[in-house]
Amino acid sequence: MTATGEAPQIRSMALLRLFFGQFASEADFAALARAQLETQRRRLELFRGLIERLEARGDRPWQLEVAYLLHQAELSFASSWTRISELVEERRDAAGASG
């Protein structure tokens, strides 16, 4: 194995759509957030299962640390998509109250 200083990479069409979504509607953002929250739910289940298996083995501490790190990243993504969903709802409520 060779050491690397390469930064982790994230490839996400959803993040690109969110970032460049100046012409998207709030309904588009709400649908995107719902889809991503479901994706995050499935990925969190996947990582919880992986962590359980690695903890049970007890012989692969480096793999377990990677699983913990990726699980934390998924929790962060889920939290952000929840905030995005809430922001859309707040904007809808404000528009409904003023309209």
Foldseek 3Di string as FASTA:
>chain_A
DDDDPDDDDDDDPLVVCVVPVPVPDLVVLLVSLVVLLVVLVVVLVVLVVVLVVCVVVVPCVVVNVVSVVVNVVSVVSNVVSVVSNVVSVVVVVVVVVVD
